Amino acid sequence: MFKRLFWVGLGFGLGVIAVTKAQAYVKANTPDAARQFLLGPDQDHVGMKTLEGLVNEFNATRRAREAELTRQYIAERG
């Protein structure tokens, strides 16, 4: 169990480093118009916007699933 957790954590960390390096490369080696097309107008907060979007999507999916399970529970009990 701890080995698996270690490898998942290591993979996540390497993924974060790879994305950060890729974004730095894109910022350094592309013209401004191309950067704005790829990263959007607010280029300094791309990571936070991405994380915020993922959290919002997760919460919306979680709420929908909870509502579905609640409806199923009520239908079984009713």
PDB file of N, CA and C in Angstrom:
ATOM      1  N   MET A   1       0.816  -1.192   0.000  1.00  0.00           N
ATOM      2  CA  MET A   1       0.000   0.000   0.000  1.00  0.00           C
ATOM      3  C   MET A   1       0.858   1.253   0.000  1.00  0.00           C
ATOM      4  N   PHE A   2       1.887   1.275   0.842  1.00  0.00           N
ATOM      5  CA  PHE A   2       2.734   2.459   0.923  1.00  0.00           C
ATOM      6  C   PHE A   2       3.566   2.633  -0.342  1.00  0.00           C
ATOM      7  N   LYS A   3       3.940   1.512  -0.961  1.00  0.00           N
ATOM      8  CA  LYS A   3       4.682   1.605  -2.220  1.00  0.00           C
ATOM      9  C   LYS A   3       3.814   2.254  -3.295  1.00  0.00           C
ATOM     10  N   ARG A   4       2.584   1.817  -3.354  1.00  0.00           N
ATOM     11  CA  ARG A   4       1.669   2.362  -4.359  1.00  0.00           C
ATOM     12  C   ARG A   4       1.439   3.849  -4.120  1.00  0.00           C
ATOM     13  N   LEU A   5       1.232   4.216  -2.878  1.00  0.00           N
ATOM     14  CA  LEU A   5       1.041   5.621  -2.540  1.00  0.00           C
ATOM     15  C   LEU A   5       2.283   6.435  -2.889  1.00  0.00           C
ATOM     16  N   PHE A   6       3.450   5.879  -2.619  1.00  0.00           N
ATOM     17  CA  PHE A   6       4.700   6.551  -2.971  1.00  0.00           C
ATOM     18  C   PHE A   6       4.787   6.785  -4.468  1.00  0.00           C
ATOM     19  N   TRP A   7       4.505   5.744  -5.271  1.00  0.00           N
ATOM     20  CA  TRP A   7       4.632   5.879  -6.718  1.00  0.00           C
ATOM     21  C   TRP A   7       3.574   6.813  -7.302  1.00  0.00           C
ATOM     22  N   VAL A   8       2.385   6.790  -6.761  1.00  0.00           N
ATOM     23  CA  VAL A   8       1.351   7.727  -7.221  1.00  0.00           C
ATOM     24  C   VAL A   8       1.768   9.152  -6.896  1.00  0.00           C
ATOM     25  N   GLY A   9       2.274   9.376  -5.694  1.00  0.00           N
ATOM     26  CA  GLY A   9       2.742  10.706  -5.311  1.00  0.00           C
ATOM     27  C   GLY A   9       3.909  11.164  -6.162  1.00  0.00           C
ATOM     28  N   LEU A  10       4.839  10.260  -6.434  1.00  0.00           N
ATOM     29  CA  LEU A  10       5.976  10.593  -7.280  1.00  0.00           C
ATOM     30  C   LEU A  10       5.522  10.930  -8.696  1.00  0.00           C
ATOM     31  N   GLY A  11       4.602  10.157  -9.230  1.00  0.00           N
ATOM     32  CA  GLY A  11       4.070  10.433 -10.568  1.00  0.00           C
ATOM     33  C   GLY A  11       3.353  11.763 -10.633  1.00  0.00           C
ATOM     34  N   PHE A  12       2.582  12.066  -9.605  1.00  0.00           N
ATOM     35  CA  PHE A  12       1.888  13.351  -9.555  1.00  0.00           C
ATOM     36  C   PHE A  12       2.901  14.501  -9.516  1.00  0.00           C
ATOM     37  N   GLY A  13       3.912  14.361  -8.668  1.00  0.00           N
ATOM     38  CA  GLY A  13       4.938  15.405  -8.561  1.00  0.00           C
ATOM     39  C   GLY A  13       5.680  15.611  -9.872  1.00  0.00           C
ATOM     40  N   LEU A  14       6.049  14.512 -10.532  1.00  0.00           N
ATOM     41  CA  LEU A  14       6.724  14.632 -11.821  1.00  0.00           C
ATOM     42  C   LEU A  14       5.810  15.255 -12.880  1.00  0.00           C
ATOM     43  N   GLY A  15       4.535  14.942 -12.814  1.00  0.00           N
ATOM     44  CA  GLY A  15       3.582  15.549 -13.746  1.00  0.00           C
ATOM     45  C   GLY A  15       3.479  17.051 -13.553  1.00  0.00           C
ATOM     46  N   VAL A  16       3.445  17.474 -12.300  1.00  0.00           N
ATOM     47  CA  VAL A  16       3.383  18.909 -12.005  1.00  0.00           C
ATOM     48  C   VAL A  16       4.646  19.602 -12.505  1.00  0.00           C
ATOM     49  N   ILE A  17       5.801  18.981 -12.283  1.00  0.00           N
ATOM     50  CA  ILE A  17       7.063  19.566 -12.744  1.00  0.00           C
ATOM     51  C   ILE A  17       7.085  19.640 -14.269  1.00  0.00           C
ATOM     52  N   ALA A  18       6.629  18.592 -14.947  1.00  0.00           N
ATOM     53  CA  ALA A  18       6.623  18.576 -16.410  1.00  0.00           C
ATOM     54  C   ALA A  18       5.718  19.664 -16.971  1.00  0.00           C
ATOM     55  N   VAL A  19       4.543  19.828 -16.391  1.00  0.00           N
ATOM     56  CA  VAL A  19       3.621  20.865 -16.866  1.00  0.00           C
ATOM     57  C   VAL A  19       4.203  22.251 -16.634  1.00  0.00           C
ATOM     58  N   THR A  20       4.810  22.459 -15.476  1.00  0.00           N
ATOM     59  CA  THR A  20       5.411  23.755 -15.168  1.00  0.00           C
ATOM     60  C   THR A  20       6.540  24.069 -16.142  1.00  0.00           C
ATOM     61  N   LYS A  21       7.394  23.103 -16.419  1.00  0.00           N
ATOM     62  CA  LYS A  21       8.494  23.306 -17.361  1.00  0.00           C
ATOM     63  C   LYS A  21       7.962  23.569 -18.770  1.00  0.00           C
ATOM     64  N   ALA A  22       6.924  22.839 -19.175  1.00  0.00           N
ATOM     65  CA  ALA A  22       6.351  23.034 -20.505  1.00  0.00           C
ATOM     66  C   ALA A  22       5.757  24.432 -20.645  1.00  0.00           C
ATOM     67  N   GLN A  23       5.069  24.893 -19.620  1.00  0.00           N
ATOM     68  CA  GLN A  23       4.498  26.245 -19.676  1.00  0.00           C
ATOM     69  C   GLN A  23       5.590  27.306 -19.711  1.00  0.00           C
ATOM     70  N   ALA A  24       6.660  27.098 -18.960  1.00  0.00           N
ATOM     71  CA  ALA A  24       7.780  28.047 -18.989  1.00  0.00           C
ATOM     72  C   ALA A  24       8.417  28.065 -20.368  1.00  0.00           C
ATOM     73  N   TYR A  25       8.546  26.906 -20.999  1.00  0.00           N
ATOM     74  CA  TYR A  25       9.115  26.838 -22.344  1.00  0.00           C
ATOM     75  C   TYR A  25       8.228  27.568 -23.343  1.00  0.00           C
ATOM     76  N   VAL A  26       6.917  27.350 -23.243  1.00  0.00           N
ATOM     77  CA  VAL A  26       5.987  28.021 -24.150  1.00  0.00           C
ATOM     78  C   VAL A  26       6.054  29.532 -23.956  1.00  0.00           C
ATOM     79  N   LYS A  27       6.107  29.978 -22.708  1.00  0.00           N
ATOM     80  CA  LYS A  27       6.183  31.420 -22.444  1.00  0.00           C
ATOM     81  C   LYS A  27       7.465  32.025 -22.999  1.00  0.00           C
ATOM     82  N   ALA A  28       8.572  31.298 -22.914  1.00  0.00           N
ATOM     83  CA  ALA A  28       9.861  31.838 -23.332  1.00  0.00           C
ATOM     84  C   ALA A  28      10.077  31.782 -24.839  1.00  0.00           C
ATOM     85  N   ASN A  29       9.460  30.843 -25.534  1.00  0.00           N
ATOM     86  CA  ASN A  29       9.817  30.606 -26.933  1.00  0.00           C
ATOM     87  C   ASN A  29       8.689  30.806 -27.933  1.00  0.00           C
ATOM     88  N   THR A  30       7.610  31.420 -27.556  1.00  0.00           N
ATOM     89  CA  THR A  30       6.533  31.681 -28.513  1.00  0.00           C
ATOM     90  C   THR A  30       6.204  33.162 -28.541  1.00  0.00           C
ATOM     91  N   PRO A  31       5.731  33.643 -29.681  1.00  0.00           N
ATOM     92  CA  PRO A  31       5.312  35.049 -29.760  1.00  0.00           C
ATOM     93  C   PRO A  31       4.100  35.308 -28.856  1.00  0.00           C
ATOM     94  N   ASP A  32       3.884  36.563 -28.546  1.00  0.00           N
ATOM     95  CA  ASP A  32       2.819  36.936 -27.615  1.00  0.00           C
ATOM     96  C   ASP A  32       1.444  36.487 -28.101  1.00  0.00           C
ATOM     97  N   ALA A  33       1.166  36.647 -29.391  1.00  0.00           N
ATOM     98  CA  ALA A  33      -0.153  36.258 -29.913  1.00  0.00           C
ATOM     99  C   ALA A  33      -0.389  34.751 -29.736  1.00  0.00           C
ATOM    100  N   ALA A  34       0.625  33.955 -29.988  1.00  0.00           N
ATOM    101  CA  ALA A  34       0.486  32.500 -29.830  1.00  0.00           C
ATOM    102  C   ALA A  34       0.327  32.134 -28.359  1.00  0.00           C
ATOM    103  N   ARG A  35       1.066  32.811 -27.477  1.00  0.00           N
ATOM    104  CA  ARG A  35       0.927  32.546 -26.043  1.00  0.00           C
ATOM    105  C   ARG A  35      -0.477  32.862 -25.566  1.00  0.00           C
ATOM    106  N   GLN A  36      -1.013  33.979 -26.021  1.00  0.00           N
ATOM    107  CA  GLN A  36      -2.373  34.338 -25.595  1.00  0.00           C
ATOM    108  C   GLN A  36      -3.389  33.341 -26.117  1.00  0.00           C
ATOM    109  N   PHE A  37      -3.155  32.782 -27.312  1.00  0.00           N
ATOM    110  CA  PHE A  37      -4.057  31.768 -27.841  1.00  0.00           C
ATOM    111  C   PHE A  37      -3.976  30.491 -27.003  1.00  0.00           C
ATOM    112  N   LEU A  38      -2.752  30.076 -26.627  1.00  0.00           N
ATOM    113  CA  LEU A  38      -2.570  28.833 -25.871  1.00  0.00           C
ATOM    114  C   LEU A  38      -2.927  28.973 -24.398  1.00  0.00           C
ATOM    115  N   LEU A  39      -2.475  30.054 -23.772  1.00  0.00           N
ATOM    116  CA  LEU A  39      -2.605  30.195 -22.324  1.00  0.00           C
ATOM    117  C   LEU A  39      -3.699  31.154 -21.893  1.00  0.00           C
ATOM    118  N   GLY A  40      -4.246  31.910 -22.799  1.00  0.00           N
ATOM    119  CA  GLY A  40      -5.272  32.880 -22.454  1.00  0.00           C
ATOM    120  C   GLY A  40      -4.662  34.218 -22.103  1.00  0.00           C
ATOM    121  N   PRO A  41      -5.504  35.215 -21.912  1.00  0.00           N
ATOM    122  CA  PRO A  41      -4.990  36.563 -21.651  1.00  0.00           C
ATOM    123  C   PRO A  41      -4.313  36.711 -20.289  1.00  0.00           C
ATOM    124  N   ASP A  42      -4.739  35.948 -19.295  1.00  0.00           N
ATOM    125  CA  ASP A  42      -4.131  36.037 -17.961  1.00  0.00           C
ATOM    126  C   ASP A  42      -3.111  34.905 -17.826  1.00  0.00           C
ATOM    127  N   GLN A  43      -1.916  35.116 -18.322  1.00  0.00           N
ATOM    128  CA  GLN A  43      -0.917  34.061 -18.421  1.00  0.00           C
ATOM    129  C   GLN A  43      -0.235  33.750 -17.095  1.00  0.00           C
ATOM    130  N   ASP A  44      -0.360  34.609 -16.113  1.00  0.00           N
ATOM    131  CA  ASP A  44       0.322  34.384 -14.852  1.00  0.00           C
ATOM    132  C   ASP A  44      -0.423  33.432 -13.925  1.00  0.00           C
ATOM    133  N   HIS A  45      -1.708  33.230 -14.158  1.00  0.00           N
ATOM    134  CA  HIS A  45      -2.511  32.418 -13.243  1.00  0.00           C
ATOM    135  C   HIS A  45      -3.160  31.222 -13.943  1.00  0.00           C
ATOM    136  N   VAL A  46      -2.502  30.669 -14.933  1.00  0.00           N
ATOM    137  CA  VAL A  46      -3.063  29.535 -15.680  1.00  0.00           C
ATOM    138  C   VAL A  46      -3.229  28.326 -14.777  1.00  0.00           C
ATOM    139  N   GLY A  47      -2.238  28.050 -13.964  1.00  0.00           N
ATOM    140  CA  GLY A  47      -2.316  26.887 -13.072  1.00  0.00           C
ATOM    141  C   GLY A  47      -3.462  26.987 -12.091  1.00  0.00           C
ATOM    142  N   MET A  48      -3.638  28.146 -11.492  1.00  0.00           N
ATOM    143  CA  MET A  48      -4.728  28.328 -10.526  1.00  0.00           C
ATOM    144  C   MET A  48      -6.090  28.245 -11.208  1.00  0.00           C
ATOM    145  N   LYS A  49      -6.191  28.809 -12.416  1.00  0.00           N
ATOM    146  CA  LYS A  49      -7.464  28.715 -13.143  1.00  0.00           C
ATOM    147  C   LYS A  49      -7.775  27.265 -13.500  1.00  0.00           C
ATOM    148  N   THR A  50      -6.756  26.512 -13.901  1.00  0.00           N
ATOM    149  CA  THR A  50      -6.958  25.108 -14.230  1.00  0.00           C
ATOM    150  C   THR A  50      -7.396  24.327 -12.993  1.00  0.00           C
ATOM    151  N   LEU A  51      -6.714  24.547 -11.883  1.00  0.00           N
ATOM    152  CA  LEU A  51      -7.068  23.866 -10.644  1.00  0.00           C
ATOM    153  C   LEU A  51      -8.473  24.258 -10.193  1.00  0.00           C
ATOM    154  N   GLU A  52      -8.798  25.525 -10.297  1.00  0.00           N
ATOM    155  CA  GLU A  52     -10.138  25.976  -9.923  1.00  0.00           C
ATOM    156  C   GLU A  52     -11.196  25.325 -10.803  1.00  0.00           C
ATOM    157  N   GLY A  53     -10.916  25.214 -12.099  1.00  0.00           N
ATOM    158  CA  GLY A  53     -11.856  24.554 -13.007  1.00  0.00           C
ATOM    159  C   GLY A  53     -12.045  23.090 -12.668  1.00  0.00           C
ATOM    160  N   LEU A  54     -10.948  22.403 -12.327  1.00  0.00           N
ATOM    161  CA  LEU A  54     -11.052  20.996 -11.960  1.00  0.00           C
ATOM    162  C   LEU A  54     -11.862  20.810 -10.681  1.00  0.00           C
ATOM    163  N   VAL A  55     -11.640  21.663  -9.697  1.00  0.00           N
ATOM    164  CA  VAL A  55     -12.379  21.572  -8.441  1.00  0.00           C
ATOM    165  C   VAL A  55     -13.855  21.860  -8.682  1.00  0.00           C
ATOM    166  N   ASN A  56     -14.154  22.868  -9.478  1.00  0.00           N
ATOM    167  CA  ASN A  56     -15.561  23.190  -9.780  1.00  0.00           C
ATOM    168  C   ASN A  56     -16.250  22.047 -10.517  1.00  0.00           C
ATOM    169  N   GLU A  57     -15.558  21.451 -11.479  1.00  0.00           N
ATOM    170  CA  GLU A  57     -16.133  20.331 -12.221  1.00  0.00           C
ATOM    171  C   GLU A  57     -16.362  19.129 -11.298  1.00  0.00           C
ATOM    172  N   PHE A  58     -15.393  18.856 -10.425  1.00  0.00           N
ATOM    173  CA  PHE A  58     -15.537  17.758  -9.466  1.00  0.00           C
ATOM    174  C   PHE A  58     -16.741  17.984  -8.568  1.00  0.00           C
ATOM    175  N   ASN A  59     -16.876  19.198  -8.045  1.00  0.00           N
ATOM    176  CA  ASN A  59     -17.995  19.491  -7.145  1.00  0.00           C
ATOM    177  C   ASN A  59     -19.335  19.385  -7.857  1.00  0.00           C
ATOM    178  N   ALA A  60     -19.409  19.851  -9.100  1.00  0.00           N
ATOM    179  CA  ALA A  60     -20.660  19.749  -9.851  1.00  0.00           C
ATOM    180  C   ALA A  60     -21.023  18.282 -10.094  1.00  0.00           C
ATOM    181  N   THR A  61     -20.041  17.472 -10.456  1.00  0.00           N
ATOM    182  CA  THR A  61     -20.285  16.049 -10.684  1.00  0.00           C
ATOM    183  C   THR A  61     -20.675  15.360  -9.387  1.00  0.00           C
ATOM    184  N   ARG A  62     -20.024  15.715  -8.292  1.00  0.00           N
ATOM    185  CA  ARG A  62     -20.337  15.126  -6.990  1.00  0.00           C
ATOM    186  C   ARG A  62     -21.764  15.462  -6.579  1.00  0.00           C
ATOM    187  N   ARG A  63     -22.160  16.723  -6.744  1.00  0.00           N
ATOM    188  CA  ARG A  63     -23.533  17.117  -6.382  1.00  0.00           C
ATOM    189  C   ARG A  63     -24.570  16.383  -7.228  1.00  0.00           C
ATOM    190  N   ALA A  64     -24.289  16.245  -8.525  1.00  0.00           N
ATOM    191  CA  ALA A  64     -25.225  15.538  -9.402  1.00  0.00           C
ATOM    192  C   ALA A  64     -25.352  14.074  -8.988  1.00  0.00           C
ATOM    193  N   ARG A  65     -24.244  13.445  -8.662  1.00  0.00           N
ATOM    194  CA  ARG A  65     -24.276  12.036  -8.244  1.00  0.00           C
ATOM    195  C   ARG A  65     -24.993  11.877  -6.902  1.00  0.00           C
ATOM    196  N   GLU A  66     -24.761  12.814  -5.974  1.00  0.00           N
ATOM    197  CA  GLU A  66     -25.460  12.757  -4.691  1.00  0.00           C
ATOM    198  C   GLU A  66     -26.965  12.896  -4.887  1.00  0.00           C
ATOM    199  N   ALA A  67     -27.372  13.789  -5.777  1.00  0.00           N
ATOM    200  CA  ALA A  67     -28.802  13.964  -6.046  1.00  0.00           C
ATOM    201  C   ALA A  67     -29.388  12.701  -6.669  1.00  0.00           C
ATOM    202  N   GLU A  68     -28.646  12.077  -7.571  1.00  0.00           N
ATOM    203  CA  GLU A  68     -29.108  10.840  -8.198  1.00  0.00           C
ATOM    204  C   GLU A  68     -29.263   9.728  -7.164  1.00  0.00           C
ATOM    205  N   LEU A  69     -28.280   9.584  -6.303  1.00  0.00           N
ATOM    206  CA  LEU A  69     -28.359   8.551  -5.265  1.00  0.00           C
ATOM    207  C   LEU A  69     -29.489   8.825  -4.280  1.00  0.00           C
ATOM    208  N   THR A  70     -29.710  10.082  -3.951  1.00  0.00           N
ATOM    209  CA  THR A  70     -30.809  10.446  -3.057  1.00  0.00           C
ATOM    210  C   THR A  70     -32.151  10.091  -3.691  1.00  0.00           C
ATOM    211  N   ARG A  71     -32.314  10.395  -4.990  1.00  0.00           N
ATOM    212  CA  ARG A  71     -33.555  10.047  -5.688  1.00  0.00           C
ATOM    213  C   ARG A  71     -33.764   8.531  -5.698  1.00  0.00           C
ATOM    214  N   GLN A  72     -32.688   7.766  -5.940  1.00  0.00           N
ATOM    215  CA  GLN A  72     -32.812   6.313  -5.941  1.00  0.00           C
ATOM    216  C   GLN A  72     -33.181   5.788  -4.559  1.00  0.00           C
ATOM    217  N   TYR A  73     -32.596   6.355  -3.514  1.00  0.00           N
ATOM    218  CA  TYR A  73     -32.881   5.932  -2.146  1.00  0.00           C
ATOM    219  C   TYR A  73     -34.338   6.211  -1.796  1.00  0.00           C
ATOM    220  N   ILE A  74     -34.816   7.398  -2.150  1.00  0.00           N
ATOM    221  CA  ILE A  74     -36.194   7.762  -1.854  1.00  0.00           C
ATOM    222  C   ILE A  74     -37.161   6.871  -2.636  1.00  0.00           C
ATOM    223  N   ALA A  75     -36.840   6.545  -3.884  1.00  0.00           N
ATOM    224  CA  ALA A  75     -37.703   5.689  -4.694  1.00  0.00           C
ATOM    225  C   ALA A  75     -37.775   4.273  -4.108  1.00  0.00           C
ATOM    226  N   GLU A  76     -36.659   3.777  -3.585  1.00  0.00           N
ATOM    227  CA  GLU A  76     -36.654   2.443  -2.988  1.00  0.00           C
ATOM    228  C   GLU A  76     -37.442   2.424  -1.670  1.00  0.00           C
ATOM    229  N   ARG A  77     -37.372   3.506  -0.906  1.00  0.00           N
ATOM    230  CA  ARG A  77     -38.037   3.553   0.386  1.00  0.00           C
ATOM    231  C   ARG A  77     -39.513   3.957   0.270  1.00  0.00           C
ATOM    232  N   GLY A  78     -39.838   4.602  -0.833  1.00  0.00           N
ATOM    233  CA  GLY A  78     -41.196   5.147  -0.978  1.00  0.00           C
ATOM    234  C   GLY A  78     -42.198   4.228  -1.473  1.00  0.00           C
TER     235      GLY A  78
END
